[in-house]
PDB file of all heavy atoms in Angstrom:
ATOM      1  N   SER A   1      14.800  -6.892 -16.959  1.00  0.00           N
ATOM      2  CA  SER A   1      13.971  -7.224 -15.810  1.00  0.00           C
ATOM      3  C   SER A   1      12.655  -6.472 -15.894  1.00  0.00           C
ATOM      4  O   SER A   1      12.597  -5.372 -16.442  1.00  0.00           O
ATOM      5  CB  SER A   1      14.678  -6.844 -14.505  1.00  0.00           C
ATOM      6  OG  SER A   1      15.877  -7.558 -14.346  1.00  0.00           O
ATOM      7  N   CYS A   2      11.630  -7.075 -15.319  1.00  0.00           N
ATOM      8  CA  CYS A   2      10.318  -6.452 -15.266  1.00  0.00           C
ATOM      9  C   CYS A   2       9.737  -6.677 -13.883  1.00  0.00           C
ATOM     10  O   CYS A   2       9.613  -7.818 -13.429  1.00  0.00           O
ATOM     11  CB  CYS A   2       9.401  -7.059 -16.321  1.00  0.00           C
ATOM     12  SG  CYS A   2       7.669  -6.577 -16.173  1.00  0.00           S
ATOM     13  N   ALA A   3       9.395  -5.578 -13.234  1.00  0.00           N
ATOM     14  CA  ALA A   3       8.729  -5.636 -11.939  1.00  0.00           C
ATOM     15  C   ALA A   3       7.253  -5.369 -12.162  1.00  0.00           C
ATOM     16  O   ALA A   3       6.882  -4.340 -12.724  1.00  0.00           O
ATOM     17  CB  ALA A   3       9.329  -4.598 -11.001  1.00  0.00           C
ATOM     18  N   ALA A   4       6.434  -6.316 -11.726  1.00  0.00           N
ATOM     19  CA  ALA A   4       4.989  -6.211 -11.934  1.00  0.00           C
ATOM     20  C   ALA A   4       4.287  -6.049 -10.602  1.00  0.00           C
ATOM     21  O   ALA A   4       4.480  -6.865  -9.694  1.00  0.00           O
ATOM     22  CB  ALA A   4       4.480  -7.448 -12.662  1.00  0.00           C
ATOM     23  N   SER A   5       3.507  -5.025 -10.474  1.00  0.00           N
ATOM     24  CA  SER A   5       2.736  -4.831  -9.256  1.00  0.00           C
ATOM     25  C   SER A   5       1.274  -5.151  -9.529  1.00  0.00           C
ATOM     26  O   SER A   5       0.864  -5.334 -10.674  1.00  0.00           O
ATOM     27  CB  SER A   5       2.861  -3.385  -8.760  1.00  0.00           C
ATOM     28  OG  SER A   5       2.261  -2.501  -9.689  1.00  0.00           O
ATOM     29  N   GLY A   6       0.504  -5.212  -8.493  1.00  0.00           N
ATOM     30  CA  GLY A   6      -0.889  -5.577  -8.663  1.00  0.00           C
ATOM     31  C   GLY A   6      -1.026  -7.054  -8.962  1.00  0.00           C
ATOM     32  O   GLY A   6      -0.115  -7.840  -8.724  1.00  0.00           O
ATOM     33  N   SER A   7      -2.125  -7.418  -9.550  1.00  0.00           N
ATOM     34  CA  SER A   7      -2.412  -8.836  -9.775  1.00  0.00           C
ATOM     35  C   SER A   7      -2.051  -9.303 -11.168  1.00  0.00           C
ATOM     36  O   SER A   7      -2.346 -10.424 -11.547  1.00  0.00           O
ATOM     37  CB  SER A   7      -3.898  -9.081  -9.546  1.00  0.00           C
ATOM     38  OG  SER A   7      -4.666  -8.340 -10.490  1.00  0.00           O
ATOM     39  N   ILE A   8      -1.361  -8.454 -11.940  1.00  0.00           N
ATOM     40  CA  ILE A   8      -1.176  -8.789 -13.354  1.00  0.00           C
ATOM     41  C   ILE A   8      -0.316 -10.027 -13.547  1.00  0.00           C
ATOM     42  O   ILE A   8      -0.499 -10.790 -14.483  1.00  0.00           O
ATOM     43  CB  ILE A   8      -0.604  -7.578 -14.126  1.00  0.00           C
ATOM     44  CG1 ILE A   8      -0.694  -7.843 -15.631  1.00  0.00           C
ATOM     45  CG2 ILE A   8       0.831  -7.282 -13.698  1.00  0.00           C
ATOM     46  CD1 ILE A   8      -0.434  -6.638 -16.473  1.00  0.00           C
ATOM     47  N   ALA A   9       0.645 -10.247 -12.662  1.00  0.00           N
ATOM     48  CA  ALA A   9       1.548 -11.379 -12.868  1.00  0.00           C
ATOM     49  C   ALA A   9       1.078 -12.636 -12.166  1.00  0.00           C
ATOM     50  O   ALA A   9       1.416 -13.739 -12.578  1.00  0.00           O
ATOM     51  CB  ALA A   9       2.957 -11.024 -12.403  1.00  0.00           C
ATOM     52  N   SER A  10       0.305 -12.464 -11.108  1.00  0.00           N
ATOM     53  CA  SER A  10      -0.060 -13.601 -10.285  1.00  0.00           C
ATOM     54  C   SER A  10      -0.864 -14.639 -11.071  1.00  0.00           C
ATOM     55  O   SER A  10      -1.921 -14.346 -11.594  1.00  0.00           O
ATOM     56  CB  SER A  10      -0.891 -13.114  -9.093  1.00  0.00           C
ATOM     57  OG  SER A  10      -1.329 -14.205  -8.333  1.00  0.00           O
ATOM     58  N   ARG A  11      -0.315 -15.811 -11.198  1.00  0.00           N
ATOM     59  CA  ARG A  11      -0.953 -16.968 -11.849  1.00  0.00           C
ATOM     60  C   ARG A  11      -1.215 -16.745 -13.334  1.00  0.00           C
ATOM     61  O   ARG A  11      -1.943 -17.523 -13.955  1.00  0.00           O
ATOM     62  CB  ARG A  11      -2.256 -17.345 -11.142  1.00  0.00           C
ATOM     63  CG  ARG A  11      -2.056 -17.787  -9.711  1.00  0.00           C
ATOM     64  CD  ARG A  11      -3.347 -18.324  -9.116  1.00  0.00           C
ATOM     65  NE  ARG A  11      -4.397 -17.318  -9.102  1.00  0.00           N
ATOM     66  CZ  ARG A  11      -4.534 -16.405  -8.172  1.00  0.00           C
ATOM     67  NH1 ARG A  11      -3.671 -16.355  -7.176  1.00  0.00           N
ATOM     68  NH2 ARG A  11      -5.519 -15.525  -8.215  1.00  0.00           N
ATOM     69  N   ASN A  12      -0.713 -15.661 -13.894  1.00  0.00           N
ATOM     70  CA  ASN A  12      -0.919 -15.390 -15.322  1.00  0.00           C
ATOM     71  C   ASN A  12       0.315 -15.717 -16.143  1.00  0.00           C
ATOM     72  O   ASN A  12       1.447 -15.621 -15.656  1.00  0.00           O
ATOM     73  CB  ASN A  12      -1.259 -13.915 -15.530  1.00  0.00           C
ATOM     74  CG  ASN A  12      -2.663 -13.579 -15.095  1.00  0.00           C
ATOM     75  OD1 ASN A  12      -3.595 -14.334 -15.333  1.00  0.00           O
ATOM     76  ND2 ASN A  12      -2.819 -12.432 -14.453  1.00  0.00           N
ATOM     77  N   THR A  13       0.081 -16.073 -17.388  1.00  0.00           N
ATOM     78  CA  THR A  13       1.182 -16.164 -18.330  1.00  0.00           C
ATOM     79  C   THR A  13       1.700 -14.756 -18.602  1.00  0.00           C
ATOM     80  O   THR A  13       0.918 -13.839 -18.851  1.00  0.00           O
ATOM     81  CB  THR A  13       0.726 -16.820 -19.636  1.00  0.00           C
ATOM     82  OG1 THR A  13       0.325 -18.167 -19.359  1.00  0.00           O
ATOM     83  CG2 THR A  13       1.838 -16.835 -20.669  1.00  0.00           C
ATOM     84  N   MET A  14       3.008 -14.593 -18.520  1.00  0.00           N
ATOM     85  CA  MET A  14       3.631 -13.300 -18.757  1.00  0.00           C
ATOM     86  C   MET A  14       4.493 -13.379 -20.012  1.00  0.00           C
ATOM     87  O   MET A  14       5.005 -14.449 -20.372  1.00  0.00           O
ATOM     88  CB  MET A  14       4.491 -12.894 -17.568  1.00  0.00           C
ATOM     89  CG  MET A  14       3.689 -12.608 -16.316  1.00  0.00           C
ATOM     90  SD  MET A  14       2.593 -11.174 -16.489  1.00  0.00           S
ATOM     91  CE  MET A  14       3.780  -9.838 -16.633  1.00  0.00           C
ATOM     92  N   GLY A  15       4.655 -12.242 -20.657  1.00  0.00           N
ATOM     93  CA  GLY A  15       5.417 -12.223 -21.895  1.00  0.00           C
ATOM     94  C   GLY A  15       6.291 -11.007 -22.031  1.00  0.00           C
ATOM     95  O   GLY A  15       6.070  -9.988 -21.363  1.00  0.00           O
ATOM     96  N   TRP A  16       7.295 -11.127 -22.866  1.00  0.00           N
ATOM     97  CA  TRP A  16       8.091  -9.992 -23.305  1.00  0.00           C
ATOM     98  C   TRP A  16       7.701  -9.681 -24.749  1.00  0.00           C
ATOM     99  O   TRP A  16       7.646 -10.587 -25.602  1.00  0.00           O
ATOM    100  CB  TRP A  16       9.589 -10.300 -23.218  1.00  0.00           C
ATOM    101  CG  TRP A  16      10.130 -10.164 -21.836  1.00  0.00           C
ATOM    102  CD1 TRP A  16      10.314 -11.162 -20.923  1.00  0.00           C
ATOM    103  CD2 TRP A  16      10.560  -8.947 -21.209  1.00  0.00           C
ATOM    104  NE1 TRP A  16      10.840 -10.635 -19.758  1.00  0.00           N
ATOM    105  CE2 TRP A  16      11.000  -9.288 -19.912  1.00  0.00           C
ATOM    106  CE3 TRP A  16      10.622  -7.613 -21.602  1.00  0.00           C
ATOM    107  CZ2 TRP A  16      11.488  -8.336 -19.005  1.00  0.00           C
ATOM    108  CZ3 TRP A  16      11.111  -6.679 -20.711  1.00  0.00           C
ATOM    109  CH2 TRP A  16      11.540  -7.042 -19.437  1.00  0.00           C
ATOM    110  N   TYR A  17       7.430  -8.415 -24.977  1.00  0.00           N
ATOM    111  CA  TYR A  17       7.067  -7.918 -26.294  1.00  0.00           C
ATOM    112  C   TYR A  17       8.149  -6.930 -26.737  1.00  0.00           C
ATOM    113  O   TYR A  17       8.867  -6.376 -25.922  1.00  0.00           O
ATOM    114  CB  TYR A  17       5.726  -7.180 -26.224  1.00  0.00           C
ATOM    115  CG  TYR A  17       4.566  -8.010 -25.760  1.00  0.00           C
ATOM    116  CD1 TYR A  17       4.392  -8.344 -24.418  1.00  0.00           C
ATOM    117  CD2 TYR A  17       3.584  -8.427 -26.653  1.00  0.00           C
ATOM    118  CE1 TYR A  17       3.317  -9.097 -23.984  1.00  0.00           C
ATOM    119  CE2 TYR A  17       2.492  -9.171 -26.234  1.00  0.00           C
ATOM    120  CZ  TYR A  17       2.361  -9.497 -24.900  1.00  0.00           C
ATOM    121  OH  TYR A  17       1.279 -10.235 -24.486  1.00  0.00           O
ATOM    122  N   ARG A  18       8.186  -6.687 -28.035  1.00  0.00           N
ATOM    123  CA  ARG A  18       9.085  -5.639 -28.516  1.00  0.00           C
ATOM    124  C   ARG A  18       8.438  -4.911 -29.677  1.00  0.00           C
ATOM    125  O   ARG A  18       7.600  -5.460 -30.396  1.00  0.00           O
ATOM    126  CB  ARG A  18      10.434  -6.219 -28.937  1.00  0.00           C
ATOM    127  CG  ARG A  18      10.420  -7.097 -30.198  1.00  0.00           C
ATOM    128  CD  ARG A  18      11.800  -7.699 -30.435  1.00  0.00           C
ATOM    129  NE  ARG A  18      11.827  -8.512 -31.639  1.00  0.00           N
ATOM    130  CZ  ARG A  18      12.860  -9.271 -31.992  1.00  0.00           C
ATOM    131  NH1 ARG A  18      13.954  -9.317 -31.212  1.00  0.00           N
ATOM    132  NH2 ARG A  18      12.821  -9.973 -33.109  1.00  0.00           N
ATOM    133  N   GLN A  19       8.852  -3.650 -29.825  1.00  0.00           N
ATOM    134  CA  GLN A  19       8.355  -2.839 -30.925  1.00  0.00           C
ATOM    135  C   GLN A  19       9.515  -2.070 -31.537  1.00  0.00           C
ATOM    136  O   GLN A  19      10.124  -1.217 -30.866  1.00  0.00           O
ATOM    137  CB  GLN A  19       7.262  -1.880 -30.471  1.00  0.00           C
ATOM    138  CG  GLN A  19       6.613  -1.134 -31.616  1.00  0.00           C
ATOM    139  CD  GLN A  19       5.338  -0.421 -31.188  1.00  0.00           C
ATOM    140  OE1 GLN A  19       5.122  -0.120 -30.021  1.00  0.00           O
ATOM    141  NE2 GLN A  19       4.477  -0.164 -32.159  1.00  0.00           N
ATOM    142  N   ALA A  20       9.811  -2.397 -32.773  1.00  0.00           N
ATOM    143  CA  ALA A  20      10.842  -1.686 -33.520  1.00  0.00           C
ATOM    144  C   ALA A  20      10.204  -0.509 -34.252  1.00  0.00           C
ATOM    145  O   ALA A  20       8.990  -0.525 -34.516  1.00  0.00           O
ATOM    146  CB  ALA A  20      11.511  -2.640 -34.506  1.00  0.00           C
ATOM    147  N   PRO A  21      10.972   0.499 -34.593  1.00  0.00           N
ATOM    148  CA  PRO A  21      10.418   1.669 -35.290  1.00  0.00           C
ATOM    149  C   PRO A  21       9.685   1.279 -36.562  1.00  0.00           C
ATOM    150  O   PRO A  21      10.203   0.508 -37.387  1.00  0.00           O
ATOM    151  CB  PRO A  21      11.658   2.501 -35.611  1.00  0.00           C
ATOM    152  CG  PRO A  21      12.649   2.132 -34.565  1.00  0.00           C
ATOM    153  CD  PRO A  21      12.405   0.678 -34.292  1.00  0.00           C
ATOM    154  N   GLY A  22       8.446   1.751 -36.688  1.00  0.00           N
ATOM    155  CA  GLY A  22       7.678   1.495 -37.889  1.00  0.00           C
ATOM    156  C   GLY A  22       7.064   0.116 -37.968  1.00  0.00           C
ATOM    157  O   GLY A  22       6.481  -0.236 -39.002  1.00  0.00           O
ATOM    158  N   LYS A  23       7.194  -0.653 -36.897  1.00  0.00           N
ATOM    159  CA  LYS A  23       6.659  -2.022 -36.904  1.00  0.00           C
ATOM    160  C   LYS A  23       5.680  -2.199 -35.752  1.00  0.00           C
ATOM    161  O   LYS A  23       5.775  -1.490 -34.746  1.00  0.00           O
ATOM    162  CB  LYS A  23       7.792  -3.041 -36.787  1.00  0.00           C
ATOM    163  CG  LYS A  23       8.722  -3.070 -37.994  1.00  0.00           C
ATOM    164  CD  LYS A  23       9.719  -4.207 -37.887  1.00  0.00           C
ATOM    165  CE  LYS A  23      10.598  -4.284 -39.125  1.00  0.00           C
ATOM    166  NZ  LYS A  23      11.566  -5.415 -39.041  1.00  0.00           N
ATOM    167  N   PRO A  24       4.749  -3.134 -35.875  1.00  0.00           N
ATOM    168  CA  PRO A  24       3.818  -3.385 -34.769  1.00  0.00           C
ATOM    169  C   PRO A  24       4.525  -4.085 -33.608  1.00  0.00           C
ATOM    170  O   PRO A  24       5.577  -4.723 -33.783  1.00  0.00           O
ATOM    171  CB  PRO A  24       2.757  -4.290 -35.401  1.00  0.00           C
ATOM    172  CG  PRO A  24       3.453  -4.954 -36.544  1.00  0.00           C
ATOM    173  CD  PRO A  24       4.463  -3.976 -37.051  1.00  0.00           C
ATOM    174  N   ARG A  25       3.953  -3.952 -32.455  1.00  0.00           N
ATOM    175  CA  ARG A  25       4.483  -4.647 -31.285  1.00  0.00           C
ATOM    176  C   ARG A  25       4.276  -6.149 -31.465  1.00  0.00           C
ATOM    177  O   ARG A  25       3.219  -6.589 -31.924  1.00  0.00           O
ATOM    178  CB  ARG A  25       3.758  -4.156 -30.042  1.00  0.00           C
ATOM    179  CG  ARG A  25       4.385  -4.557 -28.736  1.00  0.00           C
ATOM    180  CD  ARG A  25       3.657  -3.846 -27.584  1.00  0.00           C
ATOM    181  NE  ARG A  25       3.913  -2.415 -27.610  1.00  0.00           N
ATOM    182  CZ  ARG A  25       3.252  -1.543 -26.841  1.00  0.00           C
ATOM    183  NH1 ARG A  25       2.318  -1.959 -26.019  1.00  0.00           N
ATOM    184  NH2 ARG A  25       3.542  -0.254 -26.913  1.00  0.00           N
ATOM    185  N   GLU A  26       5.300  -6.933 -31.099  1.00  0.00           N
ATOM    186  CA  GLU A  26       5.204  -8.382 -31.251  1.00  0.00           C
ATOM    187  C   GLU A  26       5.609  -9.079 -29.961  1.00  0.00           C
ATOM    188  O   GLU A  26       6.478  -8.604 -29.225  1.00  0.00           O
ATOM    189  CB  GLU A  26       6.111  -8.867 -32.400  1.00  0.00           C
ATOM    190  CG  GLU A  26       7.594  -8.595 -32.197  1.00  0.00           C
ATOM    191  CD  GLU A  26       8.483  -9.260 -33.248  1.00  0.00           C
ATOM    192  OE1 GLU A  26       8.037 -10.216 -33.915  1.00  0.00           O
ATOM    193  OE2 GLU A  26       9.638  -8.820 -33.371  1.00  0.00           O
ATOM    194  N   LEU A  27       5.002 -10.223 -29.734  1.00  0.00           N
ATOM    195  CA  LEU A  27       5.347 -11.052 -28.583  1.00  0.00           C
ATOM    196  C   LEU A  27       6.545 -11.910 -28.963  1.00  0.00           C
ATOM    197  O   LEU A  27       6.500 -12.631 -29.962  1.00  0.00           O
ATOM    198  CB  LEU A  27       4.160 -11.937 -28.201  1.00  0.00           C
ATOM    199  CG  LEU A  27       4.366 -12.944 -27.081  1.00  0.00           C
ATOM    200  CD1 LEU A  27       4.609 -12.237 -25.752  1.00  0.00           C
ATOM    201  CD2 LEU A  27       3.151 -13.867 -26.970  1.00  0.00           C
ATOM    202  N   VAL A  28       7.609 -11.848 -28.177  1.00  0.00           N
ATOM    203  CA  VAL A  28       8.799 -12.632 -28.504  1.00  0.00           C
ATOM    204  C   VAL A  28       9.026 -13.809 -27.561  1.00  0.00           C
ATOM    205  O   VAL A  28       9.687 -14.775 -27.942  1.00  0.00           O
ATOM    206  CB  VAL A  28      10.067 -11.760 -28.542  1.00  0.00           C
ATOM    207  CG1 VAL A  28       9.975 -10.739 -29.666  1.00  0.00           C
ATOM    208  CG2 VAL A  28      10.326 -11.070 -27.216  1.00  0.00           C
ATOM    209  N   ALA A  29       8.483 -13.740 -26.363  1.00  0.00           N
ATOM    210  CA  ALA A  29       8.676 -14.842 -25.417  1.00  0.00           C
ATOM    211  C   ALA A  29       7.570 -14.796 -24.372  1.00  0.00           C
ATOM    212  O   ALA A  29       7.115 -13.712 -24.000  1.00  0.00           O
ATOM    213  CB  ALA A  29      10.034 -14.749 -24.734  1.00  0.00           C
ATOM    214  N   SER A  30       7.146 -15.957 -23.913  1.00  0.00           N
ATOM    215  CA  SER A  30       6.139 -16.024 -22.866  1.00  0.00           C
ATOM    216  C   SER A  30       6.466 -17.159 -21.916  1.00  0.00           C
ATOM    217  O   SER A  30       7.173 -18.114 -22.272  1.00  0.00           O
ATOM    218  CB  SER A  30       4.740 -16.196 -23.459  1.00  0.00           C
ATOM    219  OG  SER A  30       4.643 -17.420 -24.165  1.00  0.00           O
ATOM    220  N   ILE A  31       5.930 -17.039 -20.705  1.00  0.00           N
ATOM    221  CA  ILE A  31       6.159 -18.058 -19.680  1.00  0.00           C
ATOM    222  C   ILE A  31       4.907 -18.180 -18.827  1.00  0.00           C
ATOM    223  O   ILE A  31       4.342 -17.188 -18.377  1.00  0.00           O
ATOM    224  CB  ILE A  31       7.409 -17.703 -18.841  1.00  0.00           C
ATOM    225  CG1 ILE A  31       7.711 -18.812 -17.839  1.00  0.00           C
ATOM    226  CG2 ILE A  31       7.257 -16.350 -18.151  1.00  0.00           C
ATOM    227  CD1 ILE A  31       9.086 -18.675 -17.181  1.00  0.00           C
ATOM    228  N   THR A  32       4.466 -19.400 -18.612  1.00  0.00           N
ATOM    229  CA  THR A  32       3.306 -19.635 -17.761  1.00  0.00           C
ATOM    230  C   THR A  32       3.709 -19.532 -16.285  1.00  0.00           C
ATOM    231  O   THR A  32       4.896 -19.507 -15.962  1.00  0.00           O
ATOM    232  CB  THR A  32       2.709 -21.017 -18.029  1.00  0.00           C
ATOM    233  OG1 THR A  32       3.651 -22.021 -17.590  1.00  0.00           O
ATOM    234  CG2 THR A  32       2.418 -21.221 -19.510  1.00  0.00           C
ATOM    235  N   SER A  33       2.721 -19.514 -15.425  1.00  0.00           N
ATOM    236  CA  SER A  33       3.023 -19.467 -13.998  1.00  0.00           C
ATOM    237  C   SER A  33       3.789 -20.704 -13.559  1.00  0.00           C
ATOM    238  O   SER A  33       4.540 -20.660 -12.577  1.00  0.00           O
ATOM    239  CB  SER A  33       1.729 -19.315 -13.188  1.00  0.00           C
ATOM    240  OG  SER A  33       0.858 -20.400 -13.462  1.00  0.00           O
ATOM    241  N   GLY A  34       3.630 -21.793 -14.274  1.00  0.00           N
ATOM    242  CA  GLY A  34       4.337 -23.025 -13.953  1.00  0.00           C
ATOM    243  C   GLY A  34       5.712 -23.147 -14.582  1.00  0.00           C
ATOM    244  O   GLY A  34       6.425 -24.129 -14.356  1.00  0.00           O
ATOM    245  N   GLY A  35       6.072 -22.168 -15.425  1.00  0.00           N
ATOM    246  CA  GLY A  35       7.410 -22.158 -15.999  1.00  0.00           C
ATOM    247  C   GLY A  35       7.527 -22.675 -17.422  1.00  0.00           C
ATOM    248  O   GLY A  35       8.644 -22.773 -17.948  1.00  0.00           O
ATOM    249  N   ASN A  36       6.427 -23.006 -18.052  1.00  0.00           N
ATOM    250  CA  ASN A  36       6.503 -23.424 -19.452  1.00  0.00           C
ATOM    251  C   ASN A  36       6.723 -22.200 -20.340  1.00  0.00           C
ATOM    252  O   ASN A  36       6.067 -21.177 -20.167  1.00  0.00           O
ATOM    253  CB  ASN A  36       5.227 -24.139 -19.861  1.00  0.00           C
ATOM    254  CG  ASN A  36       5.073 -25.467 -19.149  1.00  0.00           C
ATOM    255  OD1 ASN A  36       6.034 -26.218 -19.004  1.00  0.00           O
ATOM    256  ND2 ASN A  36       3.873 -25.754 -18.680  1.00  0.00           N
ATOM    257  N   THR A  37       7.642 -22.324 -21.287  1.00  0.00           N
ATOM    258  CA  THR A  37       8.041 -21.184 -22.100  1.00  0.00           C
ATOM    259  C   THR A  37       7.711 -21.391 -23.572  1.00  0.00           C
ATOM    260  O   THR A  37       7.570 -22.519 -24.051  1.00  0.00           O
ATOM    261  CB  THR A  37       9.547 -20.915 -21.964  1.00  0.00           C
ATOM    262  OG1 THR A  37      10.277 -22.095 -22.349  1.00  0.00           O
ATOM    263  CG2 THR A  37       9.909 -20.561 -20.529  1.00  0.00           C
ATOM    264  N   ASN A  38       7.600 -20.275 -24.274  1.00  0.00           N
ATOM    265  CA  ASN A  38       7.364 -20.303 -25.703  1.00  0.00           C
ATOM    266  C   ASN A  38       8.086 -19.100 -26.316  1.00  0.00           C
ATOM    267  O   ASN A  38       8.141 -18.026 -25.682  1.00  0.00           O
ATOM    268  CB  ASN A  38       5.870 -20.237 -26.025  1.00  0.00           C
ATOM    269  CG  ASN A  38       5.572 -20.672 -27.437  1.00  0.00           C
ATOM    270  OD1 ASN A  38       6.269 -21.509 -28.006  1.00  0.00           O
ATOM    271  ND2 ASN A  38       4.543 -20.092 -28.021  1.00  0.00           N
ATOM    272  N   TYR A  39       8.638 -19.277 -27.507  1.00  0.00           N
ATOM    273  CA  TYR A  39       9.435 -18.224 -28.135  1.00  0.00           C
ATOM    274  C   TYR A  39       9.055 -18.038 -29.590  1.00  0.00           C
ATOM    275  O   TYR A  39       8.685 -18.990 -30.285  1.00  0.00           O
ATOM    276  CB  TYR A  39      10.926 -18.574 -28.070  1.00  0.00           C
ATOM    277  CG  TYR A  39      11.455 -18.705 -26.671  1.00  0.00           C
ATOM    278  CD1 TYR A  39      11.485 -19.936 -26.029  1.00  0.00           C
ATOM    279  CD2 TYR A  39      11.920 -17.589 -25.980  1.00  0.00           C
ATOM    280  CE1 TYR A  39      11.965 -20.066 -24.733  1.00  0.00           C
ATOM    281  CE2 TYR A  39      12.408 -17.707 -24.683  1.00  0.00           C
ATOM    282  CZ  TYR A  39      12.415 -18.942 -24.071  1.00  0.00           C
ATOM    283  OH  TYR A  39      12.888 -19.057 -22.785  1.00  0.00           O
ATOM    284  N   ALA A  40       9.181 -16.811 -30.053  1.00  0.00           N
ATOM    285  CA  ALA A  40       9.065 -16.550 -31.485  1.00  0.00           C
ATOM    286  C   ALA A  40      10.255 -17.189 -32.195  1.00  0.00           C
ATOM    287  O   ALA A  40      11.352 -17.271 -31.632  1.00  0.00           O
ATOM    288  CB  ALA A  40       9.044 -15.046 -31.735  1.00  0.00           C
ATOM    289  N   ASP A  41      10.037 -17.622 -33.414  1.00  0.00           N
ATOM    290  CA  ASP A  41      11.104 -18.287 -34.156  1.00  0.00           C
ATOM    291  C   ASP A  41      12.336 -17.403 -34.295  1.00  0.00           C
ATOM    292  O   ASP A  41      13.469 -17.893 -34.302  1.00  0.00           O
ATOM    293  CB  ASP A  41      10.601 -18.688 -35.543  1.00  0.00           C
ATOM    294  CG  ASP A  41       9.621 -19.849 -35.490  1.00  0.00           C
ATOM    295  OD1 ASP A  41       9.573 -20.548 -34.457  1.00  0.00           O
ATOM    296  OD2 ASP A  41       8.894 -20.039 -36.479  1.00  0.00           O
TER     297      ASP A  41
END
């Protein structure tokens, strides 16, 4: 779960990122304000 305060979530596409040791942070999933989703392979 992610609780977002302020205006960061409002009407914005939000995403989940992850960072494994020694690797860059990557976007694994995103969702628009309307509910459209996208995922890393």
